[in-house]
Amino acid sequence: MSKVTLIGVCGGSGSGKTTLARQLQKFWGFENSGILFQDAYYIDQSDSFDHDGGSINYDHPDALDFDLMYENLVNLKAGKSVEIPIYDFETHKRKEERLFFPKKPIILVDGILLYSQPKIVSILDYQVFVDTPEKTRLDRRIDRDTTERGRTKEGVLSQFFAHVKPMHDEFIEPYKNCEVVVSGLNPIDELVQSVSKSINFL
């Protein structure tokens, strides 16, 4: 494959989009594909952080540096390697060091807010949306954040209903009518096969 193909993988928090992106990378081969995560592009929130589930709205597009993300995608699309930021969720700061992201013929772009950004959409070759019911997304988020991120269930619930749900309704749900829409309730093998058949570029 000579050209670089950028594939957006979007869906609400807890939809299963990251699992799908990782399985697609495995399906297409780690030597052929890489995953660029939206979460790397959070801006410094250290001065505003108050408590778990507090006032910072991580689910609003303003919390992210989409200009830098677009710049990185332009370079990746041109077949160049890039250095991407590293966001520290414990300190709520961007680290001084950068992460080397090598050029690949397939770049999966993972993020909940991708399709709300016209310039990000403009550079993507394909758009995949993982559509998952709200209750399932919430249950998955509680499990993930309490077991993997050391958060409290109360903090997760507070954040979900104060920020996650309203931002999903405003910035994610309206953009799900894209080229490839799959159900996050289906087995992951089915999702991989469905997406790979819809994106027939190999």
Foldseek 3Di string as FASTA:
>chain_A
DPFAAEEEQAEAQQLCSVVLVVVLCVVVDVQAEDEAEQVQFFAQCQVPDDDQLDDDFCLDPVRGDVVVVLVCLVQLRVQAKDWTWGADPVRSHIDPHTHTGHRHNYYYYYDHQQQLDVSSVVSHPFYEYAYEDPVSSLVSQLVCCVPPVVDDSVSSVSNCVVHRVVSCVPRHVVRNPTQHYHYSVDDSVVVSVRVCVSPPDD
